[in-house]
Amino acid sequence: MDKLERQIAMETEAGREGLRVWQQTLRDLPPERRIMKAFELTEMARQAMKAGLRAQHPDASEQTIQELYVDRLLGHHGLSLQKIRQLQAQAS
């Protein structure tokens, strides 16, 4: 959970209780289930992100949606598909 989500959760009693239950649930899981839960949550986030991109670009092809998705992920690391393609072209 990131800092903003934690801050929002802590603003209400229900949020604090939900956060407490979530943390306890994770602590109680055996390590292999914790890893599986991480994979499940990652997949859910990926699907949600792609659904958002489809909503923003309803006429885009699946290839375009995939490129937008990858570009957005790369953006969090200061990169872009365009920059990587430029670097690849320079290397060839």
N, C-alpha and C. Protein backbone atom coordinates (compact mmCIF):
# COMPACT_ATOMS: atom_id res chain seq x y z
N MET A 1 0.86 -1.17 0.00
CA MET A 1 0.00 0.00 0.00
C MET A 1 0.90 1.23 0.00
N ASP A 2 0.60 2.17 -0.88
CA ASP A 2 1.46 3.35 -0.93
C ASP A 2 1.06 4.38 0.12
N LYS A 3 1.88 5.41 0.24
CA LYS A 3 1.71 6.41 1.29
C LYS A 3 0.35 7.10 1.22
N LEU A 4 -0.09 7.49 0.01
CA LEU A 4 -1.37 8.17 -0.15
C LEU A 4 -2.53 7.27 0.25
N GLU A 5 -2.52 6.01 -0.18
CA GLU A 5 -3.59 5.08 0.20
C GLU A 5 -3.65 4.91 1.71
N ARG A 6 -2.49 4.80 2.34
CA ARG A 6 -2.44 4.65 3.80
C ARG A 6 -3.00 5.90 4.48
N GLN A 7 -2.62 7.07 3.96
CA GLN A 7 -3.11 8.34 4.54
C GLN A 7 -4.63 8.43 4.42
N ILE A 8 -5.17 8.08 3.25
CA ILE A 8 -6.62 8.12 3.05
C ILE A 8 -7.31 7.13 3.98
N ALA A 9 -6.76 5.92 4.08
CA ALA A 9 -7.36 4.89 4.93
C ALA A 9 -7.38 5.32 6.39
N MET A 10 -6.38 6.06 6.81
CA MET A 10 -6.27 6.43 8.22
C MET A 10 -7.20 7.59 8.60
N GLU A 11 -7.89 8.20 7.62
CA GLU A 11 -8.73 9.36 7.89
C GLU A 11 -10.09 9.02 8.49
N THR A 12 -10.49 7.77 8.43
CA THR A 12 -11.78 7.38 9.01
C THR A 12 -11.60 6.16 9.89
N GLU A 13 -12.49 5.98 10.81
CA GLU A 13 -12.44 4.79 11.67
C GLU A 13 -12.58 3.52 10.84
N ALA A 14 -13.50 3.53 9.89
CA ALA A 14 -13.68 2.36 9.03
C ALA A 14 -12.42 2.09 8.22
N GLY A 15 -11.78 3.15 7.74
CA GLY A 15 -10.54 2.99 6.99
C GLY A 15 -9.43 2.41 7.85
N ARG A 16 -9.32 2.91 9.07
CA ARG A 16 -8.30 2.39 9.99
C ARG A 16 -8.55 0.93 10.31
N GLU A 17 -9.80 0.58 10.53
CA GLU A 17 -10.13 -0.81 10.85
C GLU A 17 -9.88 -1.71 9.64
N GLY A 18 -10.27 -1.24 8.46
CA GLY A 18 -10.03 -2.01 7.24
C GLY A 18 -8.54 -2.23 7.02
N LEU A 19 -7.75 -1.20 7.23
CA LEU A 19 -6.30 -1.31 7.08
C LEU A 19 -5.73 -2.31 8.09
N ARG A 20 -6.20 -2.25 9.33
CA ARG A 20 -5.73 -3.17 10.37
C ARG A 20 -6.05 -4.61 9.99
N VAL A 21 -7.28 -4.84 9.54
CA VAL A 21 -7.69 -6.20 9.16
C VAL A 21 -6.86 -6.69 7.97
N TRP A 22 -6.65 -5.82 6.99
CA TRP A 22 -5.87 -6.19 5.81
C TRP A 22 -4.44 -6.57 6.20
N GLN A 23 -3.82 -5.75 7.04
CA GLN A 23 -2.45 -6.04 7.46
C GLN A 23 -2.38 -7.34 8.25
N GLN A 24 -3.34 -7.56 9.13
CA GLN A 24 -3.35 -8.80 9.92
C GLN A 24 -3.57 -10.01 9.02
N THR A 25 -4.46 -9.87 8.05
CA THR A 25 -4.71 -10.96 7.11
C THR A 25 -3.44 -11.33 6.36
N LEU A 26 -2.71 -10.32 5.90
CA LEU A 26 -1.46 -10.60 5.19
C LEU A 26 -0.43 -11.25 6.10
N ARG A 27 -0.33 -10.78 7.34
CA ARG A 27 0.63 -11.37 8.28
C ARG A 27 0.30 -12.83 8.56
N ASP A 28 -0.98 -13.16 8.57
CA ASP A 28 -1.40 -14.52 8.89
C ASP A 28 -1.23 -15.51 7.74
N LEU A 29 -1.04 -15.01 6.53
CA LEU A 29 -0.88 -15.90 5.38
C LEU A 29 0.48 -16.56 5.40
N PRO A 30 0.54 -17.83 5.02
CA PRO A 30 1.85 -18.46 4.86
C PRO A 30 2.60 -17.78 3.70
N PRO A 31 3.92 -17.83 3.71
CA PRO A 31 4.72 -17.11 2.69
C PRO A 31 4.30 -17.41 1.25
N GLU A 32 4.01 -18.67 0.94
CA GLU A 32 3.65 -18.98 -0.45
C GLU A 32 2.31 -18.35 -0.85
N ARG A 33 1.38 -18.23 0.09
CA ARG A 33 0.09 -17.58 -0.20
C ARG A 33 0.29 -16.07 -0.33
N ARG A 34 1.20 -15.52 0.46
CA ARG A 34 1.50 -14.09 0.36
C ARG A 34 2.04 -13.75 -1.03
N ILE A 35 2.92 -14.61 -1.52
CA ILE A 35 3.47 -14.41 -2.87
C ILE A 35 2.37 -14.53 -3.90
N MET A 36 1.50 -15.54 -3.78
CA MET A 36 0.39 -15.70 -4.72
C MET A 36 -0.53 -14.48 -4.68
N LYS A 37 -0.79 -13.96 -3.48
CA LYS A 37 -1.64 -12.77 -3.34
C LYS A 37 -0.99 -11.58 -4.05
N ALA A 38 0.33 -11.46 -3.95
CA ALA A 38 1.03 -10.37 -4.65
C ALA A 38 0.84 -10.48 -6.16
N PHE A 39 0.95 -11.71 -6.68
CA PHE A 39 0.73 -11.92 -8.11
C PHE A 39 -0.71 -11.59 -8.51
N GLU A 40 -1.66 -12.02 -7.69
CA GLU A 40 -3.07 -11.74 -7.97
C GLU A 40 -3.34 -10.23 -7.98
N LEU A 41 -2.81 -9.52 -7.00
CA LEU A 41 -3.02 -8.08 -6.93
C LEU A 41 -2.35 -7.36 -8.10
N THR A 42 -1.18 -7.85 -8.50
CA THR A 42 -0.49 -7.26 -9.65
C THR A 42 -1.32 -7.44 -10.91
N GLU A 43 -1.88 -8.63 -11.09
CA GLU A 43 -2.72 -8.90 -12.26
C GLU A 43 -3.97 -8.03 -12.25
N MET A 44 -4.57 -7.87 -11.08
CA MET A 44 -5.75 -7.01 -10.97
C MET A 44 -5.41 -5.57 -11.33
N ALA A 45 -4.27 -5.09 -10.87
CA ALA A 45 -3.83 -3.72 -11.18
C ALA A 45 -3.57 -3.57 -12.67
N ARG A 46 -2.95 -4.59 -13.28
CA ARG A 46 -2.69 -4.56 -14.72
C ARG A 46 -3.99 -4.49 -15.51
N GLN A 47 -4.96 -5.31 -15.12
CA GLN A 47 -6.24 -5.32 -15.82
C GLN A 47 -6.97 -3.98 -15.64
N ALA A 48 -6.92 -3.43 -14.44
CA ALA A 48 -7.57 -2.14 -14.17
C ALA A 48 -6.92 -1.03 -15.00
N MET A 49 -5.61 -1.06 -15.08
CA MET A 49 -4.89 -0.04 -15.85
C MET A 49 -5.25 -0.14 -17.33
N LYS A 50 -5.28 -1.36 -17.86
CA LYS A 50 -5.65 -1.53 -19.27
C LYS A 50 -7.10 -1.14 -19.52
N ALA A 51 -7.99 -1.44 -18.58
CA ALA A 51 -9.40 -1.04 -18.74
C ALA A 51 -9.50 0.48 -18.79
N GLY A 52 -8.73 1.16 -17.96
CA GLY A 52 -8.71 2.62 -17.98
C GLY A 52 -8.21 3.15 -19.30
N LEU A 53 -7.17 2.52 -19.84
CA LEU A 53 -6.65 2.94 -21.14
C LEU A 53 -7.68 2.71 -22.24
N ARG A 54 -8.39 1.58 -22.16
CA ARG A 54 -9.43 1.31 -23.17
C ARG A 54 -10.54 2.36 -23.09
N ALA A 55 -10.89 2.77 -21.88
CA ALA A 55 -11.93 3.79 -21.71
C ALA A 55 -11.46 5.14 -22.25
N GLN A 56 -10.19 5.44 -22.08
CA GLN A 56 -9.64 6.70 -22.58
C GLN A 56 -9.45 6.69 -24.09
N HIS A 57 -9.24 5.50 -24.65
CA HIS A 57 -8.96 5.35 -26.09
C HIS A 57 -9.86 4.25 -26.65
N PRO A 58 -11.18 4.50 -26.74
CA PRO A 58 -12.12 3.44 -27.12
C PRO A 58 -11.92 2.89 -28.53
N ASP A 59 -11.30 3.64 -29.41
CA ASP A 59 -11.10 3.16 -30.78
C ASP A 59 -9.74 2.51 -30.99
N ALA A 60 -8.93 2.45 -29.95
CA ALA A 60 -7.57 1.91 -30.09
C ALA A 60 -7.59 0.39 -30.22
N SER A 61 -6.64 -0.11 -30.99
CA SER A 61 -6.48 -1.56 -31.13
C SER A 61 -5.83 -2.13 -29.86
N GLU A 62 -5.88 -3.45 -29.74
CA GLU A 62 -5.24 -4.08 -28.58
C GLU A 62 -3.73 -3.82 -28.59
N GLN A 63 -3.14 -3.78 -29.78
CA GLN A 63 -1.71 -3.48 -29.90
C GLN A 63 -1.42 -2.08 -29.36
N THR A 64 -2.27 -1.11 -29.70
CA THR A 64 -2.09 0.25 -29.22
C THR A 64 -2.28 0.31 -27.71
N ILE A 65 -3.28 -0.39 -27.20
CA ILE A 65 -3.51 -0.41 -25.75
C ILE A 65 -2.29 -0.99 -25.05
N GLN A 66 -1.72 -2.07 -25.60
CA GLN A 66 -0.52 -2.68 -25.01
C GLN A 66 0.64 -1.69 -25.02
N GLU A 67 0.81 -0.97 -26.12
CA GLU A 67 1.89 0.01 -26.20
C GLU A 67 1.68 1.15 -25.21
N LEU A 68 0.45 1.63 -25.07
CA LEU A 68 0.15 2.68 -24.10
C LEU A 68 0.42 2.19 -22.68
N TYR A 69 0.06 0.93 -22.42
CA TYR A 69 0.28 0.33 -21.11
C TYR A 69 1.77 0.26 -20.79
N VAL A 70 2.54 -0.27 -21.72
CA VAL A 70 3.99 -0.39 -21.52
C VAL A 70 4.61 1.00 -21.38
N ASP A 71 4.17 1.93 -22.21
CA ASP A 71 4.70 3.29 -22.15
C ASP A 71 4.43 3.93 -20.79
N ARG A 72 3.24 3.70 -20.26
CA ARG A 72 2.90 4.25 -18.95
C ARG A 72 3.77 3.63 -17.86
N LEU A 73 3.98 2.32 -17.93
CA LEU A 73 4.85 1.66 -16.96
C LEU A 73 6.27 2.19 -17.05
N LEU A 74 6.77 2.34 -18.28
CA LEU A 74 8.12 2.87 -18.47
C LEU A 74 8.24 4.30 -17.96
N GLY A 75 7.15 5.06 -18.10
CA GLY A 75 7.16 6.45 -17.65
C GLY A 75 7.48 6.59 -16.18
N HIS A 76 7.12 5.60 -15.39
CA HIS A 76 7.41 5.64 -13.96
C HIS A 76 8.90 5.47 -13.69
N HIS A 77 9.64 5.09 -14.72
CA HIS A 77 11.09 4.91 -14.59
C HIS A 77 11.85 5.92 -15.45
N GLY A 78 11.13 6.95 -15.89
CA GLY A 78 11.77 8.00 -16.68
C GLY A 78 12.09 7.59 -18.11
N LEU A 79 11.40 6.57 -18.61
CA LEU A 79 11.62 6.10 -19.97
C LEU A 79 10.32 6.18 -20.77
N SER A 80 10.42 5.87 -22.05
CA SER A 80 9.23 5.77 -22.91
C SER A 80 9.56 4.80 -24.04
N LEU A 81 8.53 4.29 -24.68
CA LEU A 81 8.76 3.42 -25.84
C LEU A 81 9.51 4.18 -26.93
N GLN A 82 9.15 5.44 -27.12
CA GLN A 82 9.81 6.25 -28.14
C GLN A 82 11.31 6.37 -27.85
N LYS A 83 11.66 6.62 -26.60
CA LYS A 83 13.07 6.74 -26.22
C LYS A 83 13.80 5.41 -26.44
N ILE A 84 13.17 4.30 -26.05
CA ILE A 84 13.81 3.00 -26.25
C ILE A 84 13.98 2.70 -27.73
N ARG A 85 12.99 3.03 -28.53
CA ARG A 85 13.10 2.81 -29.98
C ARG A 85 14.20 3.67 -30.59
N GLN A 86 14.34 4.89 -30.09
CA GLN A 86 15.43 5.76 -30.57
C GLN A 86 16.79 5.15 -30.22
N LEU A 87 16.92 4.67 -28.99
CA LEU A 87 18.19 4.05 -28.56
C LEU A 87 18.50 2.80 -29.39
N GLN A 88 17.45 2.01 -29.69
CA GLN A 88 17.64 0.81 -30.51
C GLN A 88 18.08 1.19 -31.92
N ALA A 89 17.48 2.23 -32.48
CA ALA A 89 17.84 2.67 -33.82
C ALA A 89 19.29 3.18 -33.86
N GLN A 90 19.70 3.86 -32.82
CA GLN A 90 21.08 4.36 -32.76
C GLN A 90 22.08 3.21 -32.64
N ALA A 91 21.68 2.15 -31.95
CA ALA A 91 22.58 1.01 -31.73
C ALA A 91 22.72 0.15 -32.98
N SER A 92 21.76 0.23 -33.92
CA SER A 92 21.84 -0.63 -35.10
C SER A 92 22.69 -0.04 -36.18
